Amino acid sequence: MNAIETKNLSKNFGVKQAVCGLDMTVPMGAIYGFIGENGSGKSTTEKMICGLIPVSSGSIKLYGRDHTDGDVRAKIGVLIEAPGCFPGLTVWDNMMLQAANLGIENPEKEVIKVLKTVRMEGAASNKFKNCSLGMKQRVGIAMALLGDPTLLVLDEPLNGLDADGMRIMREVFLDIIKDGKRSIVVSSHLLGELQKVATHYGIIRHGKMIVEMTAEELDASCRTYVALQSADVSRTKMLLGCKYSRVEEDEAGCLRVYDAVTPEEIVSYLYENNITLTELKTDKIGLEEYYIDLMNGGKK
C-alpha cells in the first residue's frame, strides 16, 4: 500500500490551471523529494493532499482511502509556508496549545517526545520570536508530528538554513522514517541537500509530473564524466573539443568530458599533444545537474 496516490489530479484557479492531470505515488516509508521550479504546482498539490484547498478534478488516495476520509486525514502532519506559532509565547507553550487543539491525551509527554525528535528539547523555554530560522522550522516539524501522524507534508523546510541547521534537519528526517512506519513528502529547491536523504523523487513542471524515480534509479540515470585540470585550460579544452562531443568548463576551471571514455584514454590523448594534467578523476552528476538537464530537454 502506498502512502499517497494521485490520479489525473488537477486544480484550476479561474482560467489558470495550476495542476494538470498529475499522477503521483509516494510509497510507505519514503522520503519523497518533490521538485519543481517556482510556480510549477508543488505547493498547490501539497495543499490539495492535505485538504487545505479543494480538488478541481481527479483523485487523491491516502493509504488506499479517499483523502477526505476523516480517519485517514488524522494521519497527516503538515508544515506549509510557516509554523503557526505565537511569537511572544515560548516553544513549550506553543506546542502545548497545538496539543490542546488536537485533543491529545497526556500532552506533556507527547510534546517532550516530539521536541526530542527534532532536537529542540533544550530550547523549550525560548520565546518563539527569539528562535533562529532553523529552530523555527524544527518547531514547525514538531507541531506536525503531534498526534503521531504517519504522513508528513513539508513545504520548503530547508530554506534559509545554515550548514549546521541542514545537517540537523537531515538527521531529523532520517529519525522520523527509521521505523518504516512514516512517510515524508518534502519540497525543496536545495537539491544537493535533498539528495542526501531522499529515497524517491517526483519532478513536476507546469503542473504536470515529468518523472518519478527512486534514489537508485536517479543514480543509474546520472551520467558519469571525467574531470580534469591542466596548466593550459584553453588549449586543453580546444583539444578535447576536437575529439569528444561534450566538453564543459566549470566555475573552478575544471574541465568535464561527458562521453563514455576512460581516464586512461584522455591521459594518453593529451600526452600525445604535450598536455600535462594536474588533476584527474571520474565523477557523476548530481540531482541538481540532472534536474537542469531534464528541464532543458537534455538526456534523462
C-alpha atoms as a PDB file:
ATOM      1  CA  MET A   1       0.000   0.000   0.000  1.00  0.00           C
ATOM      2  CA  ASN A   2       1.247   3.496  -0.861  1.00  0.00           C
ATOM      3  CA  ALA A   3       1.041   6.491   1.446  1.00  0.00           C
ATOM      4  CA  ILE A   4      -0.174   8.752  -1.391  1.00  0.00           C
ATOM      5  CA  GLU A   5      -1.603   8.048  -4.831  1.00  0.00           C
ATOM      6  CA  THR A   6      -2.984  10.787  -7.041  1.00  0.00           C
ATOM      7  CA  LYS A   7      -4.633  10.069 -10.387  1.00  0.00           C
ATOM      8  CA  ASN A   8      -5.230  12.732 -13.036  1.00  0.00           C
ATOM      9  CA  LEU A   9      -5.205  15.372 -10.286  1.00  0.00           C
ATOM     10  CA  SER A  10      -5.994  18.909 -11.434  1.00  0.00           C
ATOM     11  CA  LYS A  11      -6.551  22.290  -9.833  1.00  0.00           C
ATOM     12  CA  ASN A  12      -7.922  25.391 -11.537  1.00  0.00           C
ATOM     13  CA  PHE A  13      -7.903  28.937 -10.210  1.00  0.00           C
ATOM     14  CA  GLY A  14     -10.339  30.631 -12.554  1.00  0.00           C
ATOM     15  CA  VAL A  15      -8.909  30.246 -16.053  1.00  0.00           C
ATOM     16  CA  LYS A  16      -5.459  29.304 -14.758  1.00  0.00           C
ATOM     17  CA  GLN A  17      -4.661  25.602 -14.366  1.00  0.00           C
ATOM     18  CA  ALA A  18      -2.084  25.252 -11.594  1.00  0.00           C
ATOM     19  CA  VAL A  19      -2.014  21.431 -11.575  1.00  0.00           C
ATOM     20  CA  CYS A  20      -2.819  19.420 -14.687  1.00  0.00           C
ATOM     21  CA  GLY A  21      -3.512  15.677 -14.691  1.00  0.00           C
ATOM     22  CA  LEU A  22      -0.918  14.881 -12.034  1.00  0.00           C
ATOM     23  CA  ASP A  23      -0.159  11.234 -11.225  1.00  0.00           C
ATOM     24  CA  MET A  24       1.939  10.876  -8.080  1.00  0.00           C
ATOM     25  CA  THR A  25       2.910   7.879  -5.955  1.00  0.00           C
ATOM     26  CA  VAL A  26       4.574   8.101  -2.537  1.00  0.00           C
ATOM     27  CA  PRO A  27       5.468   4.667  -1.082  1.00  0.00           C
ATOM     28  CA  MET A  28       5.236   3.825   2.597  1.00  0.00           C
ATOM     29  CA  GLY A  29       8.423   4.672   4.476  1.00  0.00           C
ATOM     30  CA  ALA A  30       9.710   7.029   1.763  1.00  0.00           C
ATOM     31  CA  ILE A  31      11.320  10.433   1.919  1.00  0.00           C
ATOM     32  CA  TYR A  32       9.806  11.783  -1.278  1.00  0.00           C
ATOM     33  CA  GLY A  33      11.633  14.757  -2.738  1.00  0.00           C
ATOM     34  CA  PHE A  34       9.062  16.885  -4.567  1.00  0.00           C
ATOM     35  CA  ILE A  35      10.936  19.073  -7.030  1.00  0.00           C
ATOM     36  CA  GLY A  36       9.990  21.845  -9.423  1.00  0.00           C
ATOM     37  CA  GLU A  37      10.581  25.468 -10.249  1.00  0.00           C
ATOM     38  CA  ASN A  38       8.580  28.288  -8.660  1.00  0.00           C
ATOM     39  CA  GLY A  39       5.015  28.171  -9.900  1.00  0.00           C
ATOM     40  CA  SER A  40       5.242  24.553 -11.006  1.00  0.00           C
ATOM     41  CA  GLY A  41       2.350  23.458  -8.776  1.00  0.00           C
ATOM     42  CA  LYS A  42       4.198  21.886  -5.829  1.00  0.00           C
ATOM     43  CA  SER A  43       2.550  23.849  -3.042  1.00  0.00           C
ATOM     44  CA  THR A  44      -0.864  23.616  -4.698  1.00  0.00           C
ATOM     45  CA  THR A  45      -0.512  19.841  -4.909  1.00  0.00           C
ATOM     46  CA  GLU A  46       0.560  19.626  -1.270  1.00  0.00           C
ATOM     47  CA  LYS A  47      -2.377  21.758  -0.160  1.00  0.00           C
ATOM     48  CA  MET A  48      -4.803  19.509  -2.041  1.00  0.00           C
ATOM     49  CA  ILE A  49      -3.262  16.399  -0.478  1.00  0.00           C
ATOM     50  CA  CYS A  50      -3.670  17.946   2.965  1.00  0.00           C
ATOM     51  CA  GLY A  51      -7.237  19.069   2.278  1.00  0.00           C
ATOM     52  CA  LEU A  52      -6.407  22.769   2.596  1.00  0.00           C
ATOM     53  CA  ILE A  53      -7.861  23.528  -0.839  1.00  0.00           C
ATOM     54  CA  PRO A  54     -10.436  21.533  -2.852  1.00  0.00           C
ATOM     55  CA  VAL A  55      -9.590  19.369  -5.851  1.00  0.00           C
ATOM     56  CA  SER A  56     -10.909  20.510  -9.245  1.00  0.00           C
ATOM     57  CA  SER A  57     -10.775  17.010 -10.742  1.00  0.00           C
ATOM     58  CA  GLY A  58      -9.002  13.702 -10.323  1.00  0.00           C
ATOM     59  CA  SER A  59      -8.462  11.753  -7.109  1.00  0.00           C
ATOM     60  CA  ILE A  60      -6.188  11.551  -4.077  1.00  0.00           C
ATOM     61  CA  LYS A  61      -5.889   8.403  -2.027  1.00  0.00           C
ATOM     62  CA  LEU A  62      -4.055   8.202   1.278  1.00  0.00           C
ATOM     63  CA  TYR A  63      -3.275   4.659   2.383  1.00  0.00           C
ATOM     64  CA  GLY A  64      -5.794   3.423  -0.187  1.00  0.00           C
ATOM     65  CA  ARG A  65      -8.652   5.618   1.057  1.00  0.00           C
ATOM     66  CA  ASP A  66     -10.091   8.889  -0.191  1.00  0.00           C
ATOM     67  CA  HIS A  67      -8.165  11.860   1.214  1.00  0.00           C
ATOM     68  CA  THR A  68     -11.376  13.383   2.603  1.00  0.00           C
ATOM     69  CA  ASP A  69     -11.896  10.398   4.922  1.00  0.00           C
ATOM     70  CA  GLY A  70     -11.710  11.715   8.493  1.00  0.00           C
ATOM     71  CA  ASP A  71      -9.766   8.750   9.860  1.00  0.00           C
ATOM     72  CA  VAL A  72      -7.088   8.911   7.195  1.00  0.00           C
ATOM     73  CA  ARG A  73      -6.809  12.700   7.438  1.00  0.00           C
ATOM     74  CA  ALA A  74      -5.907  12.297  11.103  1.00  0.00           C
ATOM     75  CA  LYS A  75      -2.717  10.546   9.922  1.00  0.00           C
ATOM     76  CA  ILE A  76      -1.323  13.674   8.229  1.00  0.00           C
ATOM     77  CA  GLY A  77       1.083  16.186   9.749  1.00  0.00           C
ATOM     78  CA  VAL A  78       1.609  19.418   7.805  1.00  0.00           C
ATOM     79  CA  LEU A  79       4.139  22.238   7.612  1.00  0.00           C
ATOM     80  CA  ILE A  80       3.324  24.525   4.697  1.00  0.00           C
ATOM     81  CA  GLU A  81       4.779  28.039   4.418  1.00  0.00           C
ATOM     82  CA  ALA A  82       5.498  28.751   8.123  1.00  0.00           C
ATOM     83  CA  PRO A  83       4.753  27.341  11.591  1.00  0.00           C
ATOM     84  CA  GLY A  84       1.562  28.745  13.093  1.00  0.00           C
ATOM     85  CA  CYS A  85       3.075  29.986  16.340  1.00  0.00           C
ATOM     86  CA  PHE A  86       2.545  32.965  18.636  1.00  0.00           C
ATOM     87  CA  PRO A  87       5.833  34.926  18.588  1.00  0.00           C
ATOM     88  CA  GLY A  88       5.631  36.060  22.216  1.00  0.00           C
ATOM     89  CA  LEU A  89       4.992  32.591  23.644  1.00  0.00           C
ATOM     90  CA  THR A  90       7.646  30.031  24.409  1.00  0.00           C
ATOM     91  CA  VAL A  91       8.230  26.991  22.246  1.00  0.00           C
ATOM     92  CA  TRP A  92       6.721  24.864  25.030  1.00  0.00           C
ATOM     93  CA  ASP A  93       3.569  26.971  25.315  1.00  0.00           C
ATOM     94  CA  ASN A  94       3.058  26.989  21.550  1.00  0.00           C
ATOM     95  CA  MET A  95       3.429  23.228  21.468  1.00  0.00           C
ATOM     96  CA  MET A  96       1.008  22.759  24.353  1.00  0.00           C
ATOM     97  CA  LEU A  97      -1.573  24.966  22.638  1.00  0.00           C
ATOM     98  CA  GLN A  98      -1.341  22.877  19.497  1.00  0.00           C
ATOM     99  CA  ALA A  99      -1.615  19.675  21.533  1.00  0.00           C
ATOM    100  CA  ALA A 100      -4.774  21.073  23.130  1.00  0.00           C
ATOM    101  CA  ASN A 101      -6.174  21.949  19.693  1.00  0.00           C
ATOM    102  CA  LEU A 102      -5.639  18.348  18.634  1.00  0.00           C
ATOM    103  CA  GLY A 103      -7.159  16.940  21.811  1.00  0.00           C
ATOM    104  CA  ILE A 104      -4.053  14.919  22.615  1.00  0.00           C
ATOM    105  CA  GLU A 105      -4.129  12.905  25.821  1.00  0.00           C
ATOM    106  CA  ASN A 106      -1.160  13.354  28.151  1.00  0.00           C
ATOM    107  CA  PRO A 107       0.084  16.373  26.130  1.00  0.00           C
ATOM    108  CA  GLU A 108       3.202  16.982  28.248  1.00  0.00           C
ATOM    109  CA  LYS A 109       4.588  13.546  27.407  1.00  0.00           C
ATOM    110  CA  GLU A 110       3.750  13.953  23.713  1.00  0.00           C
ATOM    111  CA  VAL A 111       5.347  17.408  23.496  1.00  0.00           C
ATOM    112  CA  ILE A 112       8.525  16.220  25.206  1.00  0.00           C
ATOM    113  CA  LYS A 113       8.736  13.312  22.753  1.00  0.00           C
ATOM    114  CA  VAL A 114       8.377  15.364  19.586  1.00  0.00           C
ATOM    115  CA  LEU A 115      10.708  18.130  20.791  1.00  0.00           C
ATOM    116  CA  LYS A 116      13.328  15.483  21.444  1.00  0.00           C
ATOM    117  CA  THR A 117      12.794  14.071  17.948  1.00  0.00           C
ATOM    118  CA  VAL A 118      13.560  17.454  16.361  1.00  0.00           C
ATOM    119  CA  ARG A 119      16.449  18.255  18.732  1.00  0.00           C
ATOM    120  CA  MET A 120      14.589  21.119  20.420  1.00  0.00           C
ATOM    121  CA  GLU A 121      14.145  19.765  23.933  1.00  0.00           C
ATOM    122  CA  GLY A 122      16.812  22.156  25.241  1.00  0.00           C
ATOM    123  CA  ALA A 123      15.089  25.200  23.745  1.00  0.00           C
ATOM    124  CA  ALA A 124      11.548  24.643  25.044  1.00  0.00           C
ATOM    125  CA  SER A 125      11.708  27.753  27.243  1.00  0.00           C
ATOM    126  CA  ASN A 126      12.820  30.043  24.394  1.00  0.00           C
ATOM    127  CA  LYS A 127      10.284  32.505  23.068  1.00  0.00           C
ATOM    128  CA  PHE A 128       9.422  31.573  19.512  1.00  0.00           C
ATOM    129  CA  LYS A 129      10.340  35.026  18.194  1.00  0.00           C
ATOM    130  CA  ASN A 130      13.874  34.589  19.563  1.00  0.00           C
ATOM    131  CA  CYS A 131      14.472  31.269  17.816  1.00  0.00           C
ATOM    132  CA  SER A 132      16.704  31.054  14.760  1.00  0.00           C
ATOM    133  CA  LEU A 133      15.131  30.190  11.406  1.00  0.00           C
ATOM    134  CA  GLY A 134      16.343  26.614  11.695  1.00  0.00           C
ATOM    135  CA  MET A 135      14.874  26.286  15.167  1.00  0.00           C
ATOM    136  CA  LYS A 136      11.546  27.699  13.981  1.00  0.00           C
ATOM    137  CA  GLN A 137      11.452  25.176  11.150  1.00  0.00           C
ATOM    138  CA  ARG A 138      12.081  22.362  13.621  1.00  0.00           C
ATOM    139  CA  VAL A 139       9.307  23.656  15.883  1.00  0.00           C
ATOM    140  CA  GLY A 140       7.014  23.513  12.857  1.00  0.00           C
ATOM    141  CA  ILE A 141       8.006  19.912  12.204  1.00  0.00           C
ATOM    142  CA  ALA A 142       7.478  19.099  15.889  1.00  0.00           C
ATOM    143  CA  MET A 143       3.967  20.514  15.633  1.00  0.00           C
ATOM    144  CA  ALA A 144       3.367  18.414  12.536  1.00  0.00           C
ATOM    145  CA  LEU A 145       4.471  15.332  14.495  1.00  0.00           C
ATOM    146  CA  LEU A 146       1.952  15.867  17.294  1.00  0.00           C
ATOM    147  CA  GLY A 147      -0.636  13.126  17.312  1.00  0.00           C
ATOM    148  CA  ASP A 148       1.797  10.600  15.837  1.00  0.00           C
ATOM    149  CA  PRO A 149       0.938  11.039  12.125  1.00  0.00           C
ATOM    150  CA  THR A 150       2.188   8.503   9.609  1.00  0.00           C
ATOM    151  CA  LEU A 151       2.490  11.029   6.758  1.00  0.00           C
ATOM    152  CA  LEU A 152       4.287  14.373   6.902  1.00  0.00           C
ATOM    153  CA  VAL A 153       3.942  17.008   4.167  1.00  0.00           C
ATOM    154  CA  LEU A 154       6.683  19.626   4.471  1.00  0.00           C
ATOM    155  CA  ASP A 155       6.925  22.620   2.137  1.00  0.00           C
ATOM    156  CA  GLU A 156      10.456  24.042   1.795  1.00  0.00           C
ATOM    157  CA  PRO A 157      11.645  23.196   5.341  1.00  0.00           C
ATOM    158  CA  LEU A 158      15.320  23.637   4.346  1.00  0.00           C
ATOM    159  CA  ASN A 159      15.079  27.221   3.074  1.00  0.00           C
ATOM    160  CA  GLY A 160      17.388  29.691   4.779  1.00  0.00           C
ATOM    161  CA  LEU A 161      19.186  27.154   6.965  1.00  0.00           C
ATOM    162  CA  ASP A 162      22.915  27.266   7.575  1.00  0.00           C
ATOM    163  CA  ALA A 163      25.112  24.189   7.162  1.00  0.00           C
ATOM    164  CA  ASP A 164      24.587  23.016  10.737  1.00  0.00           C
ATOM    165  CA  GLY A 165      20.843  23.572  10.511  1.00  0.00           C
ATOM    166  CA  MET A 166      20.692  21.467   7.351  1.00  0.00           C
ATOM    167  CA  ARG A 167      22.698  18.694   8.993  1.00  0.00           C
ATOM    168  CA  ILE A 168      20.300  18.618  11.938  1.00  0.00           C
ATOM    169  CA  MET A 169      17.286  18.622   9.610  1.00  0.00           C
ATOM    170  CA  ARG A 170      18.689  15.659   7.666  1.00  0.00           C
ATOM    171  CA  GLU A 171      19.137  13.759  10.930  1.00  0.00           C
ATOM    172  CA  VAL A 172      15.556  14.605  11.923  1.00  0.00           C
ATOM    173  CA  PHE A 173      14.171  13.292   8.617  1.00  0.00           C
ATOM    174  CA  LEU A 174      16.075  10.031   8.922  1.00  0.00           C
ATOM    175  CA  ASP A 175      14.942   9.604  12.531  1.00  0.00           C
ATOM    176  CA  ILE A 176      11.305  10.172  11.565  1.00  0.00           C
ATOM    177  CA  ILE A 177      11.249   7.355   8.987  1.00  0.00           C
ATOM    178  CA  LYS A 178      13.661   4.906  10.624  1.00  0.00           C
ATOM    179  CA  ASP A 179      10.905   2.560  11.800  1.00  0.00           C
ATOM    180  CA  GLY A 180       9.418   2.393   8.292  1.00  0.00           C
ATOM    181  CA  LYS A 181       6.003   3.500   9.533  1.00  0.00           C
ATOM    182  CA  ARG A 182       6.157   7.133   8.440  1.00  0.00           C
ATOM    183  CA  SER A 183       6.498   8.763   5.034  1.00  0.00           C
ATOM    184  CA  ILE A 184       7.624  12.309   4.276  1.00  0.00           C
ATOM    185  CA  VAL A 185       6.870  14.493   1.279  1.00  0.00           C
ATOM    186  CA  VAL A 186       9.385  17.337   1.265  1.00  0.00           C
ATOM    187  CA  SER A 187       9.622  20.038  -1.376  1.00  0.00           C
ATOM    188  CA  SER A 188      12.874  21.953  -1.687  1.00  0.00           C
ATOM    189  CA  HIS A 189      14.968  23.961  -4.123  1.00  0.00           C
ATOM    190  CA  LEU A 190      18.141  22.818  -2.322  1.00  0.00           C
ATOM    191  CA  LEU A 191      18.602  19.727  -4.431  1.00  0.00           C
ATOM    192  CA  GLY A 192      22.073  18.883  -3.168  1.00  0.00           C
ATOM    193  CA  GLU A 193      20.752  18.662   0.371  1.00  0.00           C
ATOM    194  CA  LEU A 194      17.629  16.787  -0.695  1.00  0.00           C
ATOM    195  CA  GLN A 195      19.726  14.180  -2.469  1.00  0.00           C
ATOM    196  CA  LYS A 196      21.406  13.281   0.831  1.00  0.00           C
ATOM    197  CA  VAL A 197      18.163  11.966   2.348  1.00  0.00           C
ATOM    198  CA  ALA A 198      15.515  11.349  -0.316  1.00  0.00           C
ATOM    199  CA  THR A 199      14.601   7.772  -1.218  1.00  0.00           C
ATOM    200  CA  HIS A 200      12.202   8.767  -4.022  1.00  0.00           C
ATOM    201  CA  TYR A 201      11.712  11.784  -6.283  1.00  0.00           C
ATOM    202  CA  GLY A 202       8.918  13.419  -8.216  1.00  0.00           C
ATOM    203  CA  ILE A 203       9.787  16.205 -10.657  1.00  0.00           C
ATOM    204  CA  ILE A 204       6.926  18.497 -11.643  1.00  0.00           C
ATOM    205  CA  ARG A 205       6.745  21.189 -14.318  1.00  0.00           C
ATOM    206  CA  HIS A 206       3.816  23.412 -15.313  1.00  0.00           C
ATOM    207  CA  GLY A 207       1.560  21.333 -13.075  1.00  0.00           C
ATOM    208  CA  LYS A 208       2.472  18.018 -14.714  1.00  0.00           C
ATOM    209  CA  MET A 209       4.606  15.173 -13.389  1.00  0.00           C
ATOM    210  CA  ILE A 210       7.692  14.884 -15.601  1.00  0.00           C
ATOM    211  CA  VAL A 211       9.269  11.863 -13.945  1.00  0.00           C
ATOM    212  CA  GLU A 212       9.125   9.812 -10.739  1.00  0.00           C
ATOM    213  CA  MET A 213      12.042   7.649  -9.686  1.00  0.00           C
ATOM    214  CA  THR A 214      13.804   6.047  -6.758  1.00  0.00           C
ATOM    215  CA  ALA A 215      17.177   7.231  -5.491  1.00  0.00           C
ATOM    216  CA  GLU A 216      18.707   4.133  -7.096  1.00  0.00           C
ATOM    217  CA  GLU A 217      17.108   4.941 -10.456  1.00  0.00           C
ATOM    218  CA  LEU A 218      18.390   8.505 -10.216  1.00  0.00           C
ATOM    219  CA  ASP A 219      21.895   7.229  -9.541  1.00  0.00           C
ATOM    220  CA  ALA A 220      21.704   4.939 -12.559  1.00  0.00           C
ATOM    221  CA  SER A 221      20.406   7.785 -14.751  1.00  0.00           C
ATOM    222  CA  CYS A 222      23.047  10.333 -13.771  1.00  0.00           C
ATOM    223  CA  ARG A 223      25.815  10.434 -16.352  1.00  0.00           C
ATOM    224  CA  THR A 224      29.429   9.922 -15.378  1.00  0.00           C
ATOM    225  CA  TYR A 225      32.197  12.196 -16.587  1.00  0.00           C
ATOM    226  CA  VAL A 226      35.945  12.568 -16.409  1.00  0.00           C
ATOM    227  CA  ALA A 227      37.030  15.744 -14.609  1.00  0.00           C
ATOM    228  CA  LEU A 228      40.487  17.151 -15.205  1.00  0.00           C
ATOM    229  CA  GLN A 229      42.654  20.203 -14.785  1.00  0.00           C
ATOM    230  CA  SER A 230      45.781  21.358 -16.549  1.00  0.00           C
ATOM    231  CA  ALA A 231      48.048  24.401 -16.610  1.00  0.00           C
ATOM    232  CA  ASP A 232      46.701  25.410 -20.033  1.00  0.00           C
ATOM    233  CA  VAL A 233      42.937  25.130 -19.714  1.00  0.00           C
ATOM    234  CA  SER A 234      42.093  26.859 -23.008  1.00  0.00           C
ATOM    235  CA  ARG A 235      44.318  24.644 -25.159  1.00  0.00           C
ATOM    236  CA  THR A 236      43.232  21.516 -23.280  1.00  0.00           C
ATOM    237  CA  LYS A 237      39.571  22.390 -23.811  1.00  0.00           C
ATOM    238  CA  MET A 238      40.199  23.039 -27.513  1.00  0.00           C
ATOM    239  CA  LEU A 239      41.950  19.690 -27.985  1.00  0.00           C
ATOM    240  CA  LEU A 240      39.294  17.760 -26.101  1.00  0.00           C
ATOM    241  CA  GLY A 241      36.570  19.520 -28.071  1.00  0.00           C
ATOM    242  CA  CYS A 242      38.101  18.240 -31.290  1.00  0.00           C
ATOM    243  CA  LYS A 243      37.776  14.637 -30.120  1.00  0.00           C
ATOM    244  CA  TYR A 244      34.763  14.496 -27.792  1.00  0.00           C
ATOM    245  CA  SER A 245      31.231  15.760 -28.345  1.00  0.00           C
ATOM    246  CA  ARG A 246      30.645  17.368 -24.950  1.00  0.00           C
ATOM    247  CA  VAL A 247      33.356  19.172 -23.022  1.00  0.00           C
ATOM    248  CA  GLU A 248      32.434  21.764 -20.395  1.00  0.00           C
ATOM    249  CA  GLU A 249      34.346  24.049 -18.047  1.00  0.00           C
ATOM    250  CA  ASP A 250      33.013  24.662 -14.543  1.00  0.00           C
ATOM    251  CA  GLU A 251      33.438  27.772 -12.411  1.00  0.00           C
ATOM    252  CA  ALA A 252      36.644  26.430 -10.856  1.00  0.00           C
ATOM    253  CA  GLY A 253      38.309  25.958 -14.247  1.00  0.00           C
ATOM    254  CA  CYS A 254      37.888  22.190 -14.160  1.00  0.00           C
ATOM    255  CA  LEU A 255      37.063  20.517 -17.480  1.00  0.00           C
ATOM    256  CA  ARG A 256      34.462  17.780 -17.780  1.00  0.00           C
ATOM    257  CA  VAL A 257      34.326  15.223 -20.566  1.00  0.00           C
ATOM    258  CA  TYR A 258      30.888  13.593 -20.684  1.00  0.00           C
ATOM    259  CA  ASP A 259      31.413  10.998 -23.387  1.00  0.00           C
ATOM    260  CA  ALA A 260      31.738   7.339 -22.335  1.00  0.00           C
ATOM    261  CA  VAL A 261      35.504   7.480 -22.165  1.00  0.00           C
ATOM    262  CA  THR A 262      38.137   6.207 -19.750  1.00  0.00           C
ATOM    263  CA  PRO A 263      40.576   8.477 -17.897  1.00  0.00           C
ATOM    264  CA  GLU A 264      43.427   6.454 -19.420  1.00  0.00           C
ATOM    265  CA  GLU A 265      42.280   7.332 -22.940  1.00  0.00           C
ATOM    266  CA  ILE A 266      42.181  11.033 -22.124  1.00  0.00           C
ATOM    267  CA  VAL A 267      45.612  10.987 -20.460  1.00  0.00           C
ATOM    268  CA  SER A 268      47.116   9.225 -23.474  1.00  0.00           C
ATOM    269  CA  TYR A 269      45.487  11.616 -25.954  1.00  0.00           C
ATOM    270  CA  LEU A 270      46.591  14.748 -24.091  1.00  0.00           C
ATOM    271  CA  TYR A 271      50.097  13.390 -23.502  1.00  0.00           C
ATOM    272  CA  GLU A 272      50.476  12.903 -27.249  1.00  0.00           C
ATOM    273  CA  ASN A 273      49.595  16.589 -27.592  1.00  0.00           C
ATOM    274  CA  ASN A 274      52.082  17.715 -24.900  1.00  0.00           C
ATOM    275  CA  ILE A 275      49.447  18.483 -22.272  1.00  0.00           C
ATOM    276  CA  THR A 276      50.255  17.543 -18.684  1.00  0.00           C
ATOM    277  CA  LEU A 277      47.363  17.134 -16.269  1.00  0.00           C
ATOM    278  CA  THR A 278      47.427  18.413 -12.702  1.00  0.00           C
ATOM    279  CA  GLU A 279      44.225  16.640 -11.614  1.00  0.00           C
ATOM    280  CA  LEU A 280      42.135  13.776 -12.958  1.00  0.00           C
ATOM    281  CA  LYS A 281      39.126  11.926 -11.577  1.00  0.00           C
ATOM    282  CA  THR A 282      35.916  10.193 -12.609  1.00  0.00           C
ATOM    283  CA  ASP A 283      32.710  11.611 -11.131  1.00  0.00           C
ATOM    284  CA  LYS A 284      28.950  11.638 -11.680  1.00  0.00           C
ATOM    285  CA  ILE A 285      26.441  14.456 -11.984  1.00  0.00           C
ATOM    286  CA  GLY A 286      24.145  15.003  -9.003  1.00  0.00           C
ATOM    287  CA  LEU A 287      20.435  15.651  -8.649  1.00  0.00           C
ATOM    288  CA  GLU A 288      20.774  19.372  -9.380  1.00  0.00           C
ATOM    289  CA  GLU A 289      22.534  18.847 -12.713  1.00  0.00           C
ATOM    290  CA  TYR A 290      20.174  16.007 -13.617  1.00  0.00           C
ATOM    291  CA  TYR A 291      17.229  18.318 -12.936  1.00  0.00           C
ATOM    292  CA  ILE A 292      18.715  21.153 -15.000  1.00  0.00           C
ATOM    293  CA  ASP A 293      19.387  18.770 -17.894  1.00  0.00           C
ATOM    294  CA  LEU A 294      15.815  17.462 -17.660  1.00  0.00           C
ATOM    295  CA  MET A 295      14.316  20.956 -17.628  1.00  0.00           C
ATOM    296  CA  ASN A 296      16.464  21.906 -20.625  1.00  0.00           C
ATOM    297  CA  GLY A 297      15.295  18.863 -22.544  1.00  0.00           C
ATOM    298  CA  GLY A 298      18.598  17.049 -22.120  1.00  0.00           C
ATOM    299  CA  LYS A 299      19.288  13.422 -21.529  1.00  0.00           C
ATOM    300  CA  LYS A 300      17.471  11.902 -18.560  1.00  0.00           C
END
